Amino acid sequence: LPVPKGAKEHRLYTFTEYSNRVLGRKLLHWR
């Protein structure tokens, strides 16, 4: 996943938000 412009690393919930978008459901955390 690309790091957002101007950021040094991914945001805390990037993986969870991406997973939610792909799965079409509300996941509390990617773990």
PDB file of all heavy atoms in Angstrom:
ATOM      1  N   LEU A   1       0.831  -1.203   0.000  1.00  0.00           N
ATOM      2  CA  LEU A   1       0.000   0.000   0.000  1.00  0.00           C
ATOM      3  C   LEU A   1       0.865   1.251   0.000  1.00  0.00           C
ATOM      4  O   LEU A   1       1.838   1.331   0.752  1.00  0.00           O
ATOM      5  CB  LEU A   1      -0.919   0.023   1.227  1.00  0.00           C
ATOM      6  CG  LEU A   1      -2.043  -1.000   1.262  1.00  0.00           C
ATOM      7  CD1 LEU A   1      -2.815  -0.883   2.574  1.00  0.00           C
ATOM      8  CD2 LEU A   1      -2.982  -0.839   0.088  1.00  0.00           C
ATOM      9  N   PRO A   2       0.515   2.217  -0.805  1.00  0.00           N
ATOM     10  CA  PRO A   2       1.305   3.450  -0.820  1.00  0.00           C
ATOM     11  C   PRO A   2       1.103   4.254   0.462  1.00  0.00           C
ATOM     12  O   PRO A   2       0.013   4.276   1.029  1.00  0.00           O
ATOM     13  CB  PRO A   2       0.766   4.204  -2.032  1.00  0.00           C
ATOM     14  CG  PRO A   2      -0.582   3.645  -2.272  1.00  0.00           C
ATOM     15  CD  PRO A   2      -0.575   2.235  -1.777  1.00  0.00           C
ATOM     16  N   VAL A   3       2.155   4.896   0.893  1.00  0.00           N
ATOM     17  CA  VAL A   3       2.088   5.790   2.050  1.00  0.00           C
ATOM     18  C   VAL A   3       1.476   7.105   1.571  1.00  0.00           C
ATOM     19  O   VAL A   3       1.834   7.591   0.493  1.00  0.00           O
ATOM     20  CB  VAL A   3       3.504   6.016   2.629  1.00  0.00           C
ATOM     21  CG1 VAL A   3       3.482   7.056   3.737  1.00  0.00           C
ATOM     22  CG2 VAL A   3       4.095   4.708   3.119  1.00  0.00           C
ATOM     23  N   PRO A   4       0.541   7.669   2.332  1.00  0.00           N
ATOM     24  CA  PRO A   4      -0.075   8.934   1.908  1.00  0.00           C
ATOM     25  C   PRO A   4       0.977  10.025   1.679  1.00  0.00           C
ATOM     26  O   PRO A   4       2.001  10.056   2.369  1.00  0.00           O
ATOM     27  CB  PRO A   4      -0.987   9.296   3.082  1.00  0.00           C
ATOM     28  CG  PRO A   4      -1.239   8.013   3.789  1.00  0.00           C
ATOM     29  CD  PRO A   4       0.003   7.183   3.591  1.00  0.00           C
ATOM     30  N   LYS A   5       0.696  10.892   0.720  1.00  0.00           N
ATOM     31  CA  LYS A   5       1.616  11.989   0.420  1.00  0.00           C
ATOM     32  C   LYS A   5       1.899  12.798   1.675  1.00  0.00           C
ATOM     33  O   LYS A   5       0.997  13.121   2.437  1.00  0.00           O
ATOM     34  CB  LYS A   5       1.015  12.918  -0.631  1.00  0.00           C
ATOM     35  CG  LYS A   5       1.409  12.586  -2.017  1.00  0.00           C
ATOM     36  CD  LYS A   5       0.967  13.686  -2.965  1.00  0.00           C
ATOM     37  CE  LYS A   5       1.517  13.390  -4.339  1.00  0.00           C
ATOM     38  NZ  LYS A   5       1.073  14.346  -5.315  1.00  0.00           N
ATOM     39  N   GLY A   6       3.164  13.119   1.865  1.00  0.00           N
ATOM     40  CA  GLY A   6       3.573  13.928   2.997  1.00  0.00           C
ATOM     41  C   GLY A   6       3.762  13.152   4.291  1.00  0.00           C
ATOM     42  O   GLY A   6       4.237  13.686   5.274  1.00  0.00           O
ATOM     43  N   ALA A   7       3.387  11.871   4.297  1.00  0.00           N
ATOM     44  CA  ALA A   7       3.533  11.043   5.502  1.00  0.00           C
ATOM     45  C   ALA A   7       4.807  10.204   5.400  1.00  0.00           C
ATOM     46  O   ALA A   7       5.276   9.900   4.303  1.00  0.00           O
ATOM     47  CB  ALA A   7       2.330  10.139   5.674  1.00  0.00           C
ATOM     48  N   LYS A   8       5.334   9.845   6.540  1.00  0.00           N
ATOM     49  CA  LYS A   8       6.531   8.998   6.574  1.00  0.00           C
ATOM     50  C   LYS A   8       6.166   7.523   6.625  1.00  0.00           C
ATOM     51  O   LYS A   8       6.957   6.671   6.265  1.00  0.00           O
ATOM     52  CB  LYS A   8       7.398   9.352   7.778  1.00  0.00           C
ATOM     53  CG  LYS A   8       8.005  10.737   7.694  1.00  0.00           C
ATOM     54  CD  LYS A   8       8.862  11.023   8.893  1.00  0.00           C
ATOM     55  CE  LYS A   8       9.419  12.437   8.809  1.00  0.00           C
ATOM     56  NZ  LYS A   8      10.213  12.787   9.977  1.00  0.00           N
ATOM     57  N   GLU A   9       4.965   7.236   7.110  1.00  0.00           N
ATOM     58  CA  GLU A   9       4.518   5.844   7.225  1.00  0.00           C
ATOM     59  C   GLU A   9       3.002   5.802   7.135  1.00  0.00           C
ATOM     60  O   GLU A   9       2.337   6.830   7.083  1.00  0.00           O
ATOM     61  CB  GLU A   9       5.000   5.240   8.541  1.00  0.00           C
ATOM     62  CG  GLU A   9       4.581   6.023   9.759  1.00  0.00           C
ATOM     63  CD  GLU A   9       5.259   5.540  11.024  1.00  0.00           C
ATOM     64  OE1 GLU A   9       6.429   5.147  10.971  1.00  0.00           O
ATOM     65  OE2 GLU A   9       4.594   5.559  12.065  1.00  0.00           O
ATOM     66  N   HIS A  10       2.449   4.586   7.131  1.00  0.00           N
ATOM     67  CA  HIS A  10       1.004   4.419   7.059  1.00  0.00           C
ATOM     68  C   HIS A  10       0.346   4.912   8.346  1.00  0.00           C
ATOM     69  O   HIS A  10       0.932   4.829   9.416  1.00  0.00           O
ATOM     70  CB  HIS A  10       0.654   2.939   6.855  1.00  0.00           C
ATOM     71  CG  HIS A  10       1.074   2.419   5.534  1.00  0.00           C
ATOM     72  ND1 HIS A  10       2.238   1.716   5.352  1.00  0.00           N
ATOM     73  CD2 HIS A  10       0.507   2.511   4.319  1.00  0.00           C
ATOM     74  CE1 HIS A  10       2.368   1.400   4.086  1.00  0.00           C
ATOM     75  NE2 HIS A  10       1.337   1.874   3.428  1.00  0.00           N
ATOM     76  N   ARG A  11      -0.882   5.382   8.198  1.00  0.00           N
ATOM     77  CA  ARG A  11      -1.656   5.770   9.380  1.00  0.00           C
ATOM     78  C   ARG A  11      -2.012   4.521  10.187  1.00  0.00           C
ATOM     79  O   ARG A  11      -2.029   3.408   9.669  1.00  0.00           O
ATOM     80  CB  ARG A  11      -2.943   6.480   8.954  1.00  0.00           C
ATOM     81  CG  ARG A  11      -2.697   7.821   8.306  1.00  0.00           C
ATOM     82  CD  ARG A  11      -3.971   8.590   7.908  1.00  0.00           C
ATOM     83  NE  ARG A  11      -5.223   8.068   8.399  1.00  0.00           N
ATOM     84  CZ  ARG A  11      -6.107   7.384   7.653  1.00  0.00           C
ATOM     85  NH1 ARG A  11      -5.869   7.123   6.389  1.00  0.00           N
ATOM     86  NH2 ARG A  11      -7.237   6.966   8.169  1.00  0.00           N
ATOM     87  N   LEU A  12      -2.363   4.690  11.429  1.00  0.00           N
ATOM     88  CA  LEU A  12      -2.619   3.590  12.348  1.00  0.00           C
ATOM     89  C   LEU A  12      -3.668   2.603  11.820  1.00  0.00           C
ATOM     90  O   LEU A  12      -3.480   1.396  11.901  1.00  0.00           O
ATOM     91  CB  LEU A  12      -3.052   4.147  13.708  1.00  0.00           C
ATOM     92  CG  LEU A  12      -3.330   3.140  14.805  1.00  0.00           C
ATOM     93  CD1 LEU A  12      -2.082   2.317  15.101  1.00  0.00           C
ATOM     94  CD2 LEU A  12      -3.797   3.854  16.058  1.00  0.00           C
ATOM     95  N   TYR A  13      -4.757   3.110  11.255  1.00  0.00           N
ATOM     96  CA  TYR A  13      -5.843   2.220  10.837  1.00  0.00           C
ATOM     97  C   TYR A  13      -5.902   1.975   9.330  1.00  0.00           C
ATOM     98  O   TYR A  13      -6.923   1.530   8.817  1.00  0.00           O
ATOM     99  CB  TYR A  13      -7.184   2.762  11.342  1.00  0.00           C
ATOM    100  CG  TYR A  13      -7.311   2.604  12.834  1.00  0.00           C
ATOM    101  CD1 TYR A  13      -7.092   3.669  13.693  1.00  0.00           C
ATOM    102  CD2 TYR A  13      -7.600   1.362  13.385  1.00  0.00           C
ATOM    103  CE1 TYR A  13      -7.183   3.511  15.063  1.00  0.00           C
ATOM    104  CE2 TYR A  13      -7.684   1.192  14.751  1.00  0.00           C
ATOM    105  CZ  TYR A  13      -7.476   2.271  15.588  1.00  0.00           C
ATOM    106  OH  TYR A  13      -7.560   2.099  16.945  1.00  0.00           O
ATOM    107  N   THR A  14      -4.832   2.220   8.624  1.00  0.00           N
ATOM    108  CA  THR A  14      -4.822   2.036   7.170  1.00  0.00           C
ATOM    109  C   THR A  14      -5.205   0.616   6.772  1.00  0.00           C
ATOM    110  O   THR A  14      -6.030   0.414   5.882  1.00  0.00           O
ATOM    111  CB  THR A  14      -3.432   2.376   6.593  1.00  0.00           C
ATOM    112  OG1 THR A  14      -3.145   3.744   6.866  1.00  0.00           O
ATOM    113  CG2 THR A  14      -3.370   2.128   5.103  1.00  0.00           C
ATOM    114  N   PHE A  15      -4.627  -0.388   7.408  1.00  0.00           N
ATOM    115  CA  PHE A  15      -4.889  -1.783   7.027  1.00  0.00           C
ATOM    116  C   PHE A  15      -6.327  -2.170   7.360  1.00  0.00           C
ATOM    117  O   PHE A  15      -6.976  -2.898   6.605  1.00  0.00           O
ATOM    118  CB  PHE A  15      -3.922  -2.743   7.705  1.00  0.00           C
ATOM    119  CG  PHE A  15      -2.467  -2.413   7.474  1.00  0.00           C
ATOM    120  CD1 PHE A  15      -1.495  -2.842   8.355  1.00  0.00           C
ATOM    121  CD2 PHE A  15      -2.053  -1.668   6.380  1.00  0.00           C
ATOM    122  CE1 PHE A  15      -0.155  -2.551   8.153  1.00  0.00           C
ATOM    123  CE2 PHE A  15      -0.718  -1.364   6.170  1.00  0.00           C
ATOM    124  CZ  PHE A  15       0.227  -1.804   7.060  1.00  0.00           C
ATOM    125  N   THR A  16      -6.844  -1.688   8.468  1.00  0.00           N
ATOM    126  CA  THR A  16      -8.233  -1.973   8.857  1.00  0.00           C
ATOM    127  C   THR A  16      -9.198  -1.314   7.881  1.00  0.00           C
ATOM    128  O   THR A  16     -10.154  -1.949   7.420  1.00  0.00           O
ATOM    129  CB  THR A  16      -8.503  -1.479  10.288  1.00  0.00           C
ATOM    130  OG1 THR A  16      -7.586  -2.127  11.184  1.00  0.00           O
ATOM    131  CG2 THR A  16      -9.926  -1.787  10.722  1.00  0.00           C
ATOM    132  N   GLU A  17      -8.949  -0.057   7.554  1.00  0.00           N
ATOM    133  CA  GLU A  17      -9.828   0.662   6.622  1.00  0.00           C
ATOM    134  C   GLU A  17      -9.819   0.017   5.241  1.00  0.00           C
ATOM    135  O   GLU A  17     -10.865  -0.123   4.608  1.00  0.00           O
ATOM    136  CB  GLU A  17      -9.415   2.131   6.535  1.00  0.00           C
ATOM    137  CG  GLU A  17      -9.682   2.903   7.814  1.00  0.00           C
ATOM    138  CD  GLU A  17      -8.984   4.246   7.877  1.00  0.00           C
ATOM    139  OE1 GLU A  17      -8.157   4.560   6.976  1.00  0.00           O
ATOM    140  OE2 GLU A  17      -9.261   4.992   8.825  1.00  0.00           O
ATOM    141  N   TYR A  18      -8.647  -0.386   4.781  1.00  0.00           N
ATOM    142  CA  TYR A  18      -8.562  -1.053   3.479  1.00  0.00           C
ATOM    143  C   TYR A  18      -9.323  -2.381   3.520  1.00  0.00           C
ATOM    144  O   TYR A  18     -10.075  -2.710   2.602  1.00  0.00           O
ATOM    145  CB  TYR A  18      -7.102  -1.272   3.075  1.00  0.00           C
ATOM    146  CG  TYR A  18      -6.967  -1.730   1.644  1.00  0.00           C
ATOM    147  CD1 TYR A  18      -6.873  -0.814   0.614  1.00  0.00           C
ATOM    148  CD2 TYR A  18      -6.953  -3.087   1.332  1.00  0.00           C
ATOM    149  CE1 TYR A  18      -6.774  -1.227  -0.710  1.00  0.00           C
ATOM    150  CE2 TYR A  18      -6.863  -3.512   0.016  1.00  0.00           C
ATOM    151  CZ  TYR A  18      -6.771  -2.578  -0.998  1.00  0.00           C
ATOM    152  OH  TYR A  18      -6.688  -3.002  -2.303  1.00  0.00           O
ATOM    153  N   SER A  19      -9.127  -3.143   4.584  1.00  0.00           N
ATOM    154  CA  SER A  19      -9.826  -4.431   4.740  1.00  0.00           C
ATOM    155  C   SER A  19     -11.332  -4.227   4.761  1.00  0.00           C
ATOM    156  O   SER A  19     -12.077  -4.992   4.130  1.00  0.00           O
ATOM    157  CB  SER A  19      -9.377  -5.134   6.026  1.00  0.00           C
ATOM    158  OG  SER A  19      -7.998  -5.420   5.983  1.00  0.00           O
ATOM    159  N   ASN A  20     -11.808  -3.209   5.470  1.00  0.00           N
ATOM    160  CA  ASN A  20     -13.245  -2.910   5.514  1.00  0.00           C
ATOM    161  C   ASN A  20     -13.787  -2.619   4.117  1.00  0.00           C
ATOM    162  O   ASN A  20     -14.863  -3.080   3.748  1.00  0.00           O
ATOM    163  CB  ASN A  20     -13.525  -1.705   6.427  1.00  0.00           C
ATOM    164  CG  ASN A  20     -13.483  -2.059   7.886  1.00  0.00           C
ATOM    165  OD1 ASN A  20     -13.661  -3.209   8.263  1.00  0.00           O
ATOM    166  ND2 ASN A  20     -13.234  -1.070   8.726  1.00  0.00           N
ATOM    167  N   ARG A  21     -13.038  -1.852   3.367  1.00  0.00           N
ATOM    168  CA  ARG A  21     -13.479  -1.499   2.010  1.00  0.00           C
ATOM    169  C   ARG A  21     -13.575  -2.739   1.124  1.00  0.00           C
ATOM    170  O   ARG A  21     -14.551  -2.928   0.401  1.00  0.00           O
ATOM    171  CB  ARG A  21     -12.517  -0.481   1.393  1.00  0.00           C
ATOM    172  CG  ARG A  21     -12.954   0.021   0.033  1.00  0.00           C
ATOM    173  CD  ARG A  21     -12.205   1.262  -0.416  1.00  0.00           C
ATOM    174  NE  ARG A  21     -10.763   1.132  -0.458  1.00  0.00           N
ATOM    175  CZ  ARG A  21     -10.081   0.690  -1.525  1.00  0.00           C
ATOM    176  NH1 ARG A  21     -10.711   0.330  -2.615  1.00  0.00           N
ATOM    177  NH2 ARG A  21      -8.765   0.628  -1.486  1.00  0.00           N
ATOM    178  N   VAL A  22     -12.589  -3.599   1.209  1.00  0.00           N
ATOM    179  CA  VAL A  22     -12.572  -4.807   0.380  1.00  0.00           C
ATOM    180  C   VAL A  22     -13.671  -5.781   0.797  1.00  0.00           C
ATOM    181  O   VAL A  22     -14.373  -6.343  -0.045  1.00  0.00           O
ATOM    182  CB  VAL A  22     -11.194  -5.510   0.467  1.00  0.00           C
ATOM    183  CG1 VAL A  22     -11.232  -6.885  -0.163  1.00  0.00           C
ATOM    184  CG2 VAL A  22     -10.127  -4.653  -0.188  1.00  0.00           C
ATOM    185  N   LEU A  23     -13.826  -5.974   2.089  1.00  0.00           N
ATOM    186  CA  LEU A  23     -14.777  -6.972   2.589  1.00  0.00           C
ATOM    187  C   LEU A  23     -16.207  -6.451   2.668  1.00  0.00           C
ATOM    188  O   LEU A  23     -17.150  -7.237   2.789  1.00  0.00           O
ATOM    189  CB  LEU A  23     -14.335  -7.473   3.969  1.00  0.00           C
ATOM    190  CG  LEU A  23     -12.961  -8.153   3.997  1.00  0.00           C
ATOM    191  CD1 LEU A  23     -12.546  -8.435   5.441  1.00  0.00           C
ATOM    192  CD2 LEU A  23     -12.964  -9.428   3.177  1.00  0.00           C
ATOM    193  N   GLY A  24     -16.365  -5.123   2.614  1.00  0.00           N
ATOM    194  CA  GLY A  24     -17.704  -4.548   2.667  1.00  0.00           C
ATOM    195  C   GLY A  24     -18.372  -4.699   4.022  1.00  0.00           C
ATOM    196  O   GLY A  24     -19.588  -4.841   4.106  1.00  0.00           O
ATOM    197  N   ARG A  25     -17.579  -4.696   5.071  1.00  0.00           N
ATOM    198  CA  ARG A  25     -18.156  -4.768   6.414  1.00  0.00           C
ATOM    199  C   ARG A  25     -17.312  -3.950   7.376  1.00  0.00           C
ATOM    200  O   ARG A  25     -16.213  -3.538   7.040  1.00  0.00           O
ATOM    201  CB  ARG A  25     -18.280  -6.209   6.897  1.00  0.00           C
ATOM    202  CG  ARG A  25     -16.967  -6.919   7.183  1.00  0.00           C
ATOM    203  CD  ARG A  25     -17.245  -8.353   7.625  1.00  0.00           C
ATOM    204  NE  ARG A  25     -16.051  -9.055   8.027  1.00  0.00           N
ATOM    205  CZ  ARG A  25     -15.603  -9.146   9.262  1.00  0.00           C
ATOM    206  NH1 ARG A  25     -16.250  -8.552  10.242  1.00  0.00           N
ATOM    207  NH2 ARG A  25     -14.516  -9.828   9.551  1.00  0.00           N
ATOM    208  N   LYS A  26     -17.821  -3.734   8.558  1.00  0.00           N
ATOM    209  CA  LYS A  26     -17.125  -2.926   9.560  1.00  0.00           C
ATOM    210  C   LYS A  26     -16.313  -3.842  10.470  1.00  0.00           C
ATOM    211  O   LYS A  26     -16.853  -4.591  11.268  1.00  0.00           O
ATOM    212  CB  LYS A  26     -18.143  -2.124  10.371  1.00  0.00           C
ATOM    213  CG  LYS A  26     -17.526  -1.123  11.289  1.00  0.00           C
ATOM    214  CD  LYS A  26     -16.887   0.011  10.524  1.00  0.00           C
ATOM    215  CE  LYS A  26     -16.368   1.058  11.485  1.00  0.00           C
ATOM    216  NZ  LYS A  26     -15.440   1.964  10.865  1.00  0.00           N
ATOM    217  N   LEU A  27     -15.022  -3.773  10.304  1.00  0.00           N
ATOM    218  CA  LEU A  27     -14.085  -4.571  11.094  1.00  0.00           C
ATOM    219  C   LEU A  27     -13.468  -3.653  12.133  1.00  0.00           C
ATOM    220  O   LEU A  27     -13.057  -2.537  11.823  1.00  0.00           O
ATOM    221  CB  LEU A  27     -13.006  -5.114  10.148  1.00  0.00           C
ATOM    222  CG  LEU A  27     -12.017  -6.133  10.641  1.00  0.00           C
ATOM    223  CD1 LEU A  27     -12.722  -7.440  10.959  1.00  0.00           C
ATOM    224  CD2 LEU A  27     -10.971  -6.383   9.555  1.00  0.00           C
ATOM    225  N   LEU A  28     -13.401  -4.105  13.372  1.00  0.00           N
ATOM    226  CA  LEU A  28     -12.826  -3.286  14.431  1.00  0.00           C
ATOM    227  C   LEU A  28     -11.324  -3.105  14.231  1.00  0.00           C
ATOM    228  O   LEU A  28     -10.784  -2.010  14.387  1.00  0.00           O
ATOM    229  CB  LEU A  28     -13.113  -3.918  15.791  1.00  0.00           C
ATOM    230  CG  LEU A  28     -12.637  -3.145  17.012  1.00  0.00           C
ATOM    231  CD1 LEU A  28     -13.296  -1.770  17.062  1.00  0.00           C
ATOM    232  CD2 LEU A  28     -12.951  -3.923  18.276  1.00  0.00           C
ATOM    233  N   HIS A  29     -10.642  -4.179  13.866  1.00  0.00           N
ATOM    234  CA  HIS A  29      -9.186  -4.125  13.655  1.00  0.00           C
ATOM    235  C   HIS A  29      -8.802  -5.263  12.715  1.00  0.00           C
ATOM    236  O   HIS A  29      -9.372  -6.350  12.766  1.00  0.00           O
ATOM    237  CB  HIS A  29      -8.456  -4.280  14.994  1.00  0.00           C
ATOM    238  CG  HIS A  29      -7.007  -3.891  14.933  1.00  0.00           C
ATOM    239  ND1 HIS A  29      -6.031  -4.751  14.517  1.00  0.00           N
ATOM    240  CD2 HIS A  29      -6.386  -2.730  15.224  1.00  0.00           C
ATOM    241  CE1 HIS A  29      -4.855  -4.145  14.560  1.00  0.00           C
ATOM    242  NE2 HIS A  29      -5.041  -2.905  14.990  1.00  0.00           N
ATOM    243  N   TRP A  30      -7.814  -5.032  11.875  1.00  0.00           N
ATOM    244  CA  TRP A  30      -7.411  -6.037  10.885  1.00  0.00           C
ATOM    245  C   TRP A  30      -6.935  -7.329  11.533  1.00  0.00           C
ATOM    246  O   TRP A  30      -7.000  -8.398  10.931  1.00  0.00           O
ATOM    247  CB  TRP A  30      -6.357  -5.481   9.925  1.00  0.00           C
ATOM    248  CG  TRP A  30      -5.039  -5.165  10.566  1.00  0.00           C
ATOM    249  CD1 TRP A  30      -4.638  -3.946  11.041  1.00  0.00           C
ATOM    250  CD2 TRP A  30      -3.955  -6.054  10.806  1.00  0.00           C
ATOM    251  NE1 TRP A  30      -3.377  -4.034  11.568  1.00  0.00           N
ATOM    252  CE2 TRP A  30      -2.925  -5.326  11.438  1.00  0.00           C
ATOM    253  CE3 TRP A  30      -3.743  -7.409  10.552  1.00  0.00           C
ATOM    254  CZ2 TRP A  30      -1.721  -5.898  11.816  1.00  0.00           C
ATOM    255  CZ3 TRP A  30      -2.525  -7.983  10.930  1.00  0.00           C
ATOM    256  CH2 TRP A  30      -1.542  -7.217  11.557  1.00  0.00           C
ATOM    257  N   ARG A  31      -6.464  -7.286  12.772  1.00  0.00           N
ATOM    258  CA  ARG A  31      -6.005  -8.509  13.438  1.00  0.00           C
ATOM    259  C   ARG A  31      -7.141  -9.501  13.691  1.00  0.00           C
ATOM    260  O   ARG A  31      -6.898 -10.650  14.004  1.00  0.00           O
ATOM    261  CB  ARG A  31      -5.285  -8.179  14.739  1.00  0.00           C
ATOM    262  CG  ARG A  31      -3.933  -7.552  14.499  1.00  0.00           C
ATOM    263  CD  ARG A  31      -3.170  -7.377  15.799  1.00  0.00           C
ATOM    264  NE  ARG A  31      -1.900  -6.726  15.598  1.00  0.00           N
ATOM    265  CZ  ARG A  31      -0.749  -7.362  15.416  1.00  0.00           C
ATOM    266  NH1 ARG A  31      -0.716  -8.673  15.396  1.00  0.00           N
ATOM    267  NH2 ARG A  31       0.363  -6.692  15.251  1.00  0.00           N
TER     268      ARG A  31
END
